[in-house]
Protein backbone atom coordinates (compact mmCIF):
# COMPACT_ATOMS: atom_id res chain seq x y z
CA UNK A 1 -15.99 -36.17 -40.68
CA UNK A 2 -14.88 -37.00 -37.15
CA UNK A 3 -12.39 -34.42 -35.92
CA UNK A 4 -11.70 -30.82 -36.88
CA UNK A 5 -8.96 -28.46 -35.77
CA UNK A 6 -9.55 -24.74 -35.30
CA UNK A 7 -6.09 -23.15 -35.13
CA UNK A 8 -5.63 -19.46 -34.50
CA UNK A 9 -3.06 -16.71 -34.13
CA UNK A 10 -3.75 -13.47 -32.29
CA UNK A 11 -2.24 -10.09 -31.46
CA UNK A 12 -4.24 -9.15 -28.39
CA UNK A 13 -6.56 -12.07 -27.65
CA UNK A 14 -9.79 -11.27 -29.49
CA UNK A 15 -9.22 -13.93 -32.18
CA UNK A 16 -9.14 -16.55 -29.41
CA UNK A 17 -12.79 -15.83 -28.63
CA UNK A 18 -13.72 -16.03 -32.30
CA UNK A 19 -11.89 -19.35 -32.72
CA UNK A 20 -13.80 -20.74 -29.74
CA UNK A 21 -17.13 -19.61 -31.22
CA UNK A 22 -16.21 -21.25 -34.55
CA UNK A 23 -15.33 -24.44 -32.68
CA UNK A 24 -18.62 -24.41 -30.76
CA UNK A 25 -20.65 -24.13 -33.96
CA UNK A 26 -18.75 -26.94 -35.66
CA UNK A 27 -19.20 -29.14 -32.58
CA UNK A 28 -23.00 -28.80 -32.91
CA UNK A 29 -22.70 -31.12 -35.92
CA UNK A 30 -21.51 -33.88 -33.55
CA UNK A 31 -17.91 -33.47 -34.62
CA UNK A 32 -14.99 -33.49 -32.20
CA UNK A 33 -13.27 -30.10 -32.30
CA UNK A 34 -9.88 -28.99 -30.99
CA UNK A 35 -9.36 -25.22 -30.65
CA UNK A 36 -5.65 -24.47 -30.31
CA UNK A 37 -3.16 -21.63 -30.73
CA UNK A 38 -1.12 -22.27 -33.86
CA UNK A 39 2.10 -22.71 -31.90
CA UNK A 40 0.55 -25.60 -29.93
CA UNK A 41 -0.42 -27.64 -33.02
CA UNK A 42 1.94 -30.62 -33.28
CA UNK A 43 0.52 -32.24 -36.42
CA UNK A 44 -2.55 -32.54 -38.63
CA UNK A 45 -2.67 -36.32 -39.10
CA UNK A 46 -5.60 -36.78 -36.69
CA UNK A 47 -7.86 -34.22 -38.41
CA UNK A 48 -10.47 -34.44 -41.15
CA UNK A 49 -10.63 -30.67 -41.59
CA UNK A 50 -8.74 -27.58 -40.45
CA UNK A 51 -9.85 -24.00 -39.86
CA UNK A 52 -7.13 -21.35 -39.57
CA UNK A 53 -7.84 -17.83 -38.36
CA UNK A 54 -5.93 -14.69 -37.55
CA UNK A 55 -6.12 -10.90 -37.40
CA UNK A 56 -5.21 -8.41 -40.08
CA UNK A 57 -2.77 -5.66 -39.03
CA UNK A 58 0.04 -4.86 -41.47
CA UNK A 59 -0.97 -8.01 -43.31
CA UNK A 60 -2.46 -11.25 -42.07
CA UNK A 61 -0.79 -12.52 -38.89
CA UNK A 62 2.68 -13.94 -39.72
CA UNK A 63 2.24 -17.03 -37.56
CA UNK A 64 -0.93 -17.95 -39.48
CA UNK A 65 0.84 -17.59 -42.84
CA UNK A 66 3.81 -19.59 -41.61
CA UNK A 67 1.43 -22.35 -40.44
CA UNK A 68 -0.25 -22.48 -43.86
CA UNK A 69 3.10 -22.70 -45.68
CA UNK A 70 4.41 -25.37 -43.32
CA UNK A 71 1.33 -27.55 -43.84
CA UNK A 72 0.77 -26.92 -47.55
CA UNK A 73 1.24 -30.61 -48.43
CA UNK A 74 -1.15 -31.75 -45.69
CA UNK A 75 -3.84 -29.45 -47.10
CA UNK A 76 -3.76 -31.45 -50.33
CA UNK A 77 -5.61 -34.20 -48.43
CA UNK A 78 -7.21 -32.29 -45.52
CA UNK A 79 -9.80 -29.63 -46.37
CA UNK A 80 -9.05 -26.14 -45.10
CA UNK A 81 -11.11 -23.05 -44.28
CA UNK A 82 -9.65 -19.65 -43.41
CA UNK A 83 -11.02 -16.68 -41.50
CA UNK A 84 -9.62 -13.16 -41.31
CA UNK A 85 -10.40 -10.61 -38.60
CA UNK A 86 -10.23 -6.96 -39.69
CA UNK A 87 -11.38 -3.50 -38.65
CA UNK A 88 -11.84 -2.19 -42.17
CA UNK A 89 -12.98 -3.76 -45.43
CA UNK A 90 -13.80 -2.09 -48.73
CA UNK A 91 -17.02 -3.32 -50.33
CA UNK A 92 -16.09 -4.41 -53.85
CA UNK A 93 -18.68 -7.17 -54.27
CA UNK A 94 -16.15 -10.01 -54.27
CA UNK A 95 -18.02 -13.25 -53.53
CA UNK A 96 -15.52 -15.56 -55.17
CA UNK A 97 -11.76 -15.31 -55.22
CA UNK A 98 -9.68 -17.64 -57.39
CA UNK A 99 -12.54 -20.13 -57.27
CA UNK A 100 -12.91 -19.92 -53.48
CA UNK A 101 -16.23 -18.98 -51.86
CA UNK A 102 -15.90 -15.74 -49.90
CA UNK A 103 -18.13 -14.78 -46.96
CA UNK A 104 -17.99 -11.14 -45.86
CA UNK A 105 -19.63 -9.78 -42.73
CA UNK A 106 -21.99 -7.13 -44.14
CA UNK A 107 -21.48 -4.98 -41.03
CA UNK A 108 -17.75 -4.84 -41.71
CA UNK A 109 -17.62 -3.80 -45.37
CA UNK A 110 -18.02 -0.21 -46.47
CA UNK A 111 -18.62 1.25 -49.91
CA UNK A 112 -15.70 3.23 -51.38
CA UNK A 113 -16.06 7.01 -51.55
CA UNK A 114 -15.47 6.90 -55.32
CA UNK A 115 -16.29 3.65 -57.11
CA UNK A 116 -13.90 4.36 -59.98
CA UNK A 117 -10.93 5.49 -57.87
CA UNK A 118 -10.11 3.79 -54.57
CA UNK A 119 -7.97 5.55 -51.99
CA UNK A 120 -4.80 3.91 -50.62
CA UNK A 121 -6.72 2.77 -47.53
CA UNK A 122 -9.60 1.41 -49.64
CA UNK A 123 -7.23 -0.51 -51.96
CA UNK A 124 -5.40 -2.00 -49.00
CA UNK A 125 -8.65 -3.09 -47.31
CA UNK A 126 -10.02 -5.12 -50.26
CA UNK A 127 -10.89 -8.80 -49.87
CA UNK A 128 -8.46 -9.70 -52.66
CA UNK A 129 -5.57 -7.87 -50.96
CA UNK A 130 -6.30 -9.37 -47.55
CA UNK A 131 -6.64 -12.90 -48.95
CA UNK A 132 -3.72 -12.89 -51.39
CA UNK A 133 -0.98 -13.94 -48.89
CA UNK A 134 -3.07 -16.82 -47.49
CA UNK A 135 -3.95 -18.13 -50.95
CA UNK A 136 -0.33 -17.85 -52.10
CA UNK A 137 0.88 -19.73 -49.01
CA UNK A 138 -1.09 -22.88 -49.89
CA UNK A 139 -1.17 -22.79 -53.69
CA UNK A 140 -2.17 -24.93 -55.60
CA UNK A 141 -4.54 -25.94 -52.76
CA UNK A 142 -7.66 -23.84 -52.33
CA UNK A 143 -9.59 -23.46 -49.08
CA UNK A 144 -13.24 -24.53 -49.08
CA UNK A 145 -14.20 -21.13 -47.68
CA UNK A 146 -12.76 -17.72 -46.79
CA UNK A 147 -14.51 -15.73 -44.06
CA UNK A 148 -13.94 -12.02 -43.37
CA UNK A 149 -15.23 -10.64 -40.10
CA UNK A 150 -14.98 -7.56 -37.94
CA UNK A 151 -12.43 -7.73 -35.16
CA UNK A 152 -11.75 -5.97 -31.90
CA UNK A 153 -9.18 -3.20 -31.77
CA UNK A 154 -7.84 -2.24 -28.36
CA UNK A 155 -5.05 0.27 -28.88
CA UNK A 156 -3.84 -0.22 -25.32
CA UNK A 157 -2.94 -3.86 -25.93
CA UNK A 158 -1.01 -3.44 -29.20
CA UNK A 159 2.68 -2.83 -29.86
CA UNK A 160 3.58 0.74 -30.90
CA UNK A 161 4.15 -0.13 -34.57
CA UNK A 162 0.73 -1.81 -34.83
CA UNK A 163 -0.92 1.21 -33.22
CA UNK A 164 0.85 3.52 -35.67
CA UNK A 165 -0.20 1.46 -38.68
CA UNK A 166 -3.82 1.12 -37.53
CA UNK A 167 -4.11 4.84 -36.79
CA UNK A 168 -2.26 6.29 -39.79
CA UNK A 169 -2.85 3.83 -42.65
CA UNK A 170 -6.10 2.04 -41.79
CA UNK A 171 -7.45 4.94 -39.69
CA UNK A 172 -9.51 2.45 -37.72
CA UNK A 173 -11.28 3.58 -34.57
CA UNK A 174 -10.83 1.32 -31.58
CA UNK A 175 -13.69 -0.87 -30.43
CA UNK A 176 -15.31 -4.25 -30.93
CA UNK A 177 -16.75 -4.92 -34.39
CA UNK A 178 -17.21 -8.67 -34.06
CA UNK A 179 -20.56 -9.81 -35.44
CA UNK A 180 -21.14 -13.08 -33.60
CA UNK A 181 -24.18 -14.04 -35.67
CA UNK A 182 -22.17 -13.76 -38.92
CA UNK A 183 -19.21 -15.65 -37.45
CA UNK A 184 -21.37 -18.47 -36.13
CA UNK A 185 -23.39 -18.70 -39.35
CA UNK A 186 -20.20 -19.12 -41.40
CA UNK A 187 -18.80 -21.70 -38.97
CA UNK A 188 -22.03 -23.73 -38.99
CA UNK A 189 -21.63 -24.37 -42.72
CA UNK A 190 -18.05 -25.64 -42.51
CA UNK A 191 -18.68 -29.33 -41.67
CA UNK A 192 -20.84 -29.70 -44.79
CA UNK A 193 -18.24 -27.86 -46.90
CA UNK A 194 -15.49 -30.13 -45.57
CA UNK A 195 -17.63 -33.23 -46.17
CA UNK A 196 -18.31 -32.16 -49.75
CA UNK A 197 -14.58 -31.86 -50.37
CA UNK A 198 -13.96 -35.34 -48.95
CA UNK A 199 -16.61 -37.00 -51.14
């Protein structure tokens, strides 16, 4: 394991900071790390592992999904990890999704009001719903890990349609919900997970 790419997409800039923190943790394992916006990635040939991250508003960021689809064949030989930034997550106890290990920031997830009947918002904010597009984009490949973390929501920096969706459907209050300890802990385990896939 010599070189890892952390590629990210963002709406308002907060995912950039998370991608950098992920890169810093990976680099502690004496691995060269490139942290780049998705649209600046020119190829994956030089990498032994790839981490892709993006925010969740009206679905996972389109650029991130497009990147996964475009590089689906490359991910058959290069291990992949994915992280999702969100402001709301329904606690359903999902630790494994289609055979993929799932890490959920405990400070992000909330128990449903009624265990036996989820509301529209609670159904939308499930791990399985958030992850489905990313997993479909790379099938039959599976990432070595899926991480779900709190994001930062600044209504003043979003487009009107994103504000409307976040306020009406997700009903998410603005603010910073990033749990740096959880993010860094997840990232620190990625080199070993990538190495295990290679061996």
